[in-house]
């Protein structure tokens, strides 16, 4: 889900908690940090971005924990859980 959509969910009171977790190394993929937003009904949403001409969606992986936290802050959270 895009940042703007997550921000709307936060402002509507739909999001319960933000979690940042370490993304595991898979093949040629660079490891990093991923954000997950959990709604009150238990549904998990992930910050995604669109890449390429085909508009293929993939989860947004951050190189640093600070960058991942900054994205959570832009959504509206001032506190997050961090899982390594």
N, C-alpha and C. Protein backbone atom coordinates (compact mmCIF):
# COMPACT_ATOMS: atom_id res chain seq x y z
N UNK A 1 0.84 -1.16 0.00
CA UNK A 1 0.00 0.00 0.00
C UNK A 1 0.90 1.24 0.00
N UNK A 2 0.48 2.25 -0.69
CA UNK A 2 1.27 3.48 -0.78
C UNK A 2 1.18 4.27 0.53
N UNK A 3 2.18 5.13 0.73
CA UNK A 3 2.28 5.92 1.95
C UNK A 3 1.04 6.78 2.18
N UNK A 4 0.53 7.40 1.12
CA UNK A 4 -0.64 8.27 1.25
C UNK A 4 -1.86 7.48 1.73
N UNK A 5 -2.01 6.26 1.23
CA UNK A 5 -3.15 5.42 1.64
C UNK A 5 -3.01 5.00 3.10
N UNK A 6 -1.79 4.66 3.52
CA UNK A 6 -1.56 4.29 4.91
C UNK A 6 -1.84 5.47 5.84
N UNK A 7 -1.46 6.66 5.40
CA UNK A 7 -1.71 7.86 6.19
C UNK A 7 -3.21 8.09 6.37
N UNK A 8 -3.99 7.84 5.33
CA UNK A 8 -5.45 7.98 5.44
C UNK A 8 -6.02 6.97 6.43
N UNK A 9 -5.51 5.73 6.40
CA UNK A 9 -5.95 4.72 7.36
C UNK A 9 -5.61 5.14 8.79
N UNK A 10 -4.41 5.72 8.97
CA UNK A 10 -4.00 6.18 10.31
C UNK A 10 -4.91 7.31 10.80
N UNK A 11 -5.16 8.27 9.94
CA UNK A 11 -6.00 9.40 10.31
C UNK A 11 -7.43 8.98 10.59
N UNK A 12 -7.89 7.90 9.96
CA UNK A 12 -9.24 7.38 10.21
C UNK A 12 -9.30 6.52 11.47
N UNK A 13 -8.13 6.24 12.08
CA UNK A 13 -8.09 5.44 13.29
C UNK A 13 -8.10 3.94 13.04
N UNK A 14 -7.81 3.54 11.80
CA UNK A 14 -7.84 2.11 11.45
C UNK A 14 -6.59 1.36 11.89
N UNK A 15 -5.45 2.04 12.00
CA UNK A 15 -4.19 1.36 12.28
C UNK A 15 -3.92 1.33 13.78
N UNK A 16 -3.52 0.15 14.25
CA UNK A 16 -3.28 -0.07 15.68
C UNK A 16 -1.81 0.10 16.04
N UNK A 17 -0.93 -0.48 15.23
CA UNK A 17 0.50 -0.51 15.56
C UNK A 17 1.34 -0.56 14.29
N UNK A 18 2.54 -0.02 14.40
CA UNK A 18 3.52 -0.11 13.32
C UNK A 18 4.68 -0.99 13.79
N UNK A 19 5.13 -1.87 12.90
CA UNK A 19 6.23 -2.78 13.23
C UNK A 19 7.28 -2.67 12.13
N UNK A 20 8.53 -2.58 12.54
CA UNK A 20 9.65 -2.60 11.61
C UNK A 20 10.39 -3.90 11.87
N UNK A 21 10.62 -4.67 10.80
CA UNK A 21 11.33 -5.93 10.98
C UNK A 21 12.42 -6.08 9.94
N UNK A 22 13.39 -6.90 10.29
CA UNK A 22 14.54 -7.13 9.42
C UNK A 22 14.12 -8.09 8.31
N UNK A 23 14.31 -7.66 7.08
CA UNK A 23 14.00 -8.50 5.93
C UNK A 23 15.18 -9.42 5.67
N UNK A 24 14.91 -10.68 5.52
CA UNK A 24 15.96 -11.68 5.32
C UNK A 24 16.55 -11.60 3.92
N UNK A 25 17.78 -12.00 3.79
CA UNK A 25 18.47 -12.05 2.51
C UNK A 25 17.93 -13.21 1.69
N UNK A 26 17.49 -12.92 0.46
CA UNK A 26 16.97 -13.96 -0.43
C UNK A 26 17.62 -13.81 -1.80
N UNK A 27 18.48 -14.76 -2.15
CA UNK A 27 19.11 -14.73 -3.46
C UNK A 27 19.96 -13.50 -3.67
N UNK A 28 19.63 -12.71 -4.70
CA UNK A 28 20.41 -11.51 -5.00
C UNK A 28 19.83 -10.26 -4.36
N UNK A 29 18.80 -10.45 -3.52
CA UNK A 29 18.14 -9.31 -2.88
C UNK A 29 18.98 -8.79 -1.71
N UNK A 30 19.09 -7.50 -1.59
CA UNK A 30 19.84 -6.88 -0.50
C UNK A 30 18.98 -6.86 0.75
N UNK A 31 19.50 -7.33 1.90
CA UNK A 31 18.71 -7.31 3.13
C UNK A 31 18.49 -5.88 3.60
N UNK A 32 17.42 -5.67 4.32
CA UNK A 32 17.11 -4.34 4.83
C UNK A 32 15.99 -4.41 5.85
N UNK A 33 15.28 -3.31 6.00
CA UNK A 33 14.20 -3.20 6.98
C UNK A 33 12.87 -2.97 6.25
N UNK A 34 11.82 -3.61 6.74
CA UNK A 34 10.49 -3.52 6.13
C UNK A 34 9.50 -3.05 7.20
N UNK A 35 8.54 -2.23 6.79
CA UNK A 35 7.50 -1.76 7.71
C UNK A 35 6.22 -2.58 7.52
N UNK A 36 5.55 -2.81 8.63
CA UNK A 36 4.27 -3.51 8.61
C UNK A 36 3.33 -2.74 9.52
N UNK A 37 2.11 -2.51 9.06
CA UNK A 37 1.12 -1.77 9.83
C UNK A 37 -0.06 -2.70 10.10
N UNK A 38 -0.42 -2.83 11.36
CA UNK A 38 -1.47 -3.77 11.75
C UNK A 38 -2.73 -2.99 12.11
N UNK A 39 -3.82 -3.37 11.45
CA UNK A 39 -5.10 -2.73 11.70
C UNK A 39 -5.75 -3.32 12.96
N UNK A 40 -6.75 -2.67 13.48
CA UNK A 40 -7.45 -3.14 14.68
C UNK A 40 -8.10 -4.51 14.48
N UNK A 41 -8.45 -4.85 13.24
CA UNK A 41 -9.08 -6.15 12.97
C UNK A 41 -8.04 -7.24 12.70
N UNK A 42 -6.74 -6.91 12.83
CA UNK A 42 -5.68 -7.90 12.67
C UNK A 42 -5.07 -7.98 11.28
N UNK A 43 -5.63 -7.28 10.33
CA UNK A 43 -5.10 -7.29 8.96
C UNK A 43 -3.78 -6.52 8.93
N UNK A 44 -2.77 -7.10 8.26
CA UNK A 44 -1.46 -6.47 8.14
C UNK A 44 -1.33 -5.78 6.78
N UNK A 45 -0.83 -4.57 6.81
CA UNK A 45 -0.57 -3.81 5.58
C UNK A 45 0.91 -3.52 5.51
N UNK A 46 1.47 -3.57 4.32
CA UNK A 46 2.89 -3.32 4.12
C UNK A 46 3.06 -2.12 3.19
N UNK A 47 4.04 -1.30 3.51
CA UNK A 47 4.36 -0.18 2.63
C UNK A 47 4.95 -0.75 1.35
N UNK A 48 4.35 -0.39 0.22
CA UNK A 48 4.78 -0.91 -1.08
C UNK A 48 5.16 0.23 -1.99
N UNK A 49 5.88 -0.12 -3.04
CA UNK A 49 6.15 0.85 -4.09
C UNK A 49 5.97 0.17 -5.42
N UNK A 50 5.73 0.97 -6.43
CA UNK A 50 5.57 0.44 -7.78
C UNK A 50 6.87 0.64 -8.53
N UNK A 51 7.31 -0.40 -9.21
CA UNK A 51 8.55 -0.31 -9.97
C UNK A 51 8.32 -0.74 -11.40
N UNK A 52 9.08 -0.17 -12.28
CA UNK A 52 9.05 -0.57 -13.68
C UNK A 52 7.84 -0.05 -14.42
N UNK A 53 7.83 -0.29 -15.68
CA UNK A 53 6.73 0.16 -16.53
C UNK A 53 5.47 -0.63 -16.29
N UNK A 54 5.63 -1.87 -15.86
CA UNK A 54 4.47 -2.73 -15.64
C UNK A 54 3.73 -2.40 -14.35
N UNK A 55 4.30 -1.54 -13.52
CA UNK A 55 3.65 -1.19 -12.26
C UNK A 55 3.64 -2.34 -11.28
N UNK A 56 4.67 -3.18 -11.31
CA UNK A 56 4.74 -4.32 -10.41
C UNK A 56 4.95 -3.80 -8.99
N UNK A 57 4.10 -4.26 -8.09
CA UNK A 57 4.18 -3.81 -6.71
C UNK A 57 5.10 -4.73 -5.91
N UNK A 58 5.90 -4.14 -5.05
CA UNK A 58 6.75 -4.92 -4.16
C UNK A 58 6.88 -4.16 -2.85
N UNK A 59 7.20 -4.91 -1.80
CA UNK A 59 7.32 -4.25 -0.50
C UNK A 59 8.53 -3.34 -0.50
N UNK A 60 8.40 -2.23 0.17
CA UNK A 60 9.46 -1.23 0.25
C UNK A 60 10.47 -1.69 1.28
N UNK A 61 11.71 -1.88 0.87
CA UNK A 61 12.78 -2.28 1.78
C UNK A 61 13.70 -1.08 2.00
N UNK A 62 13.93 -0.76 3.27
CA UNK A 62 14.77 0.37 3.63
C UNK A 62 16.17 -0.11 3.98
N UNK A 63 17.18 0.65 3.62
CA UNK A 63 18.56 0.27 3.93
C UNK A 63 18.89 0.45 5.40
N UNK A 64 18.23 1.42 6.06
CA UNK A 64 18.54 1.67 7.46
C UNK A 64 17.26 1.68 8.31
N UNK A 65 17.45 1.40 9.57
CA UNK A 65 16.34 1.44 10.52
C UNK A 65 15.79 2.86 10.64
N UNK A 66 16.66 3.86 10.57
CA UNK A 66 16.22 5.26 10.65
C UNK A 66 15.29 5.62 9.50
N UNK A 67 15.60 5.14 8.31
CA UNK A 67 14.73 5.42 7.16
C UNK A 67 13.37 4.76 7.32
N UNK A 68 13.36 3.53 7.84
CA UNK A 68 12.09 2.83 8.07
C UNK A 68 11.26 3.57 9.11
N UNK A 69 11.91 4.04 10.18
CA UNK A 69 11.18 4.79 11.20
C UNK A 69 10.64 6.11 10.64
N UNK A 70 11.41 6.76 9.79
CA UNK A 70 10.95 8.02 9.18
C UNK A 70 9.68 7.80 8.36
N UNK A 71 9.59 6.66 7.68
CA UNK A 71 8.38 6.34 6.91
C UNK A 71 7.19 6.14 7.85
N UNK A 72 7.41 5.45 8.97
CA UNK A 72 6.34 5.26 9.96
C UNK A 72 5.89 6.60 10.53
N UNK A 73 6.84 7.48 10.73
CA UNK A 73 6.53 8.82 11.25
C UNK A 73 5.71 9.61 10.24
N UNK A 74 6.02 9.47 8.94
CA UNK A 74 5.24 10.16 7.92
C UNK A 74 3.80 9.65 7.87
N UNK A 75 3.61 8.38 8.20
CA UNK A 75 2.25 7.84 8.28
C UNK A 75 1.51 8.46 9.46
N UNK A 76 2.23 8.72 10.57
CA UNK A 76 1.61 9.33 11.74
C UNK A 76 2.06 8.74 13.07
N UNK A 77 2.76 7.62 13.02
CA UNK A 77 3.19 6.96 14.25
C UNK A 77 4.39 7.67 14.87
N UNK A 78 4.40 7.76 16.20
CA UNK A 78 5.55 8.30 16.92
C UNK A 78 6.27 7.19 17.67
N UNK A 79 5.65 6.02 17.78
CA UNK A 79 6.24 4.85 18.40
C UNK A 79 6.03 3.64 17.49
N UNK A 80 7.06 2.79 17.40
CA UNK A 80 6.95 1.57 16.60
C UNK A 80 7.60 0.43 17.38
N UNK A 81 7.22 -0.80 17.03
CA UNK A 81 7.90 -1.99 17.53
C UNK A 81 8.95 -2.38 16.51
N UNK A 82 10.12 -2.77 16.99
CA UNK A 82 11.19 -3.19 16.10
C UNK A 82 11.52 -4.64 16.39
N UNK A 83 11.49 -5.46 15.36
CA UNK A 83 11.81 -6.89 15.46
C UNK A 83 13.01 -7.16 14.55
N UNK A 84 14.00 -7.86 15.08
CA UNK A 84 15.18 -8.14 14.24
C UNK A 84 15.16 -9.57 13.75
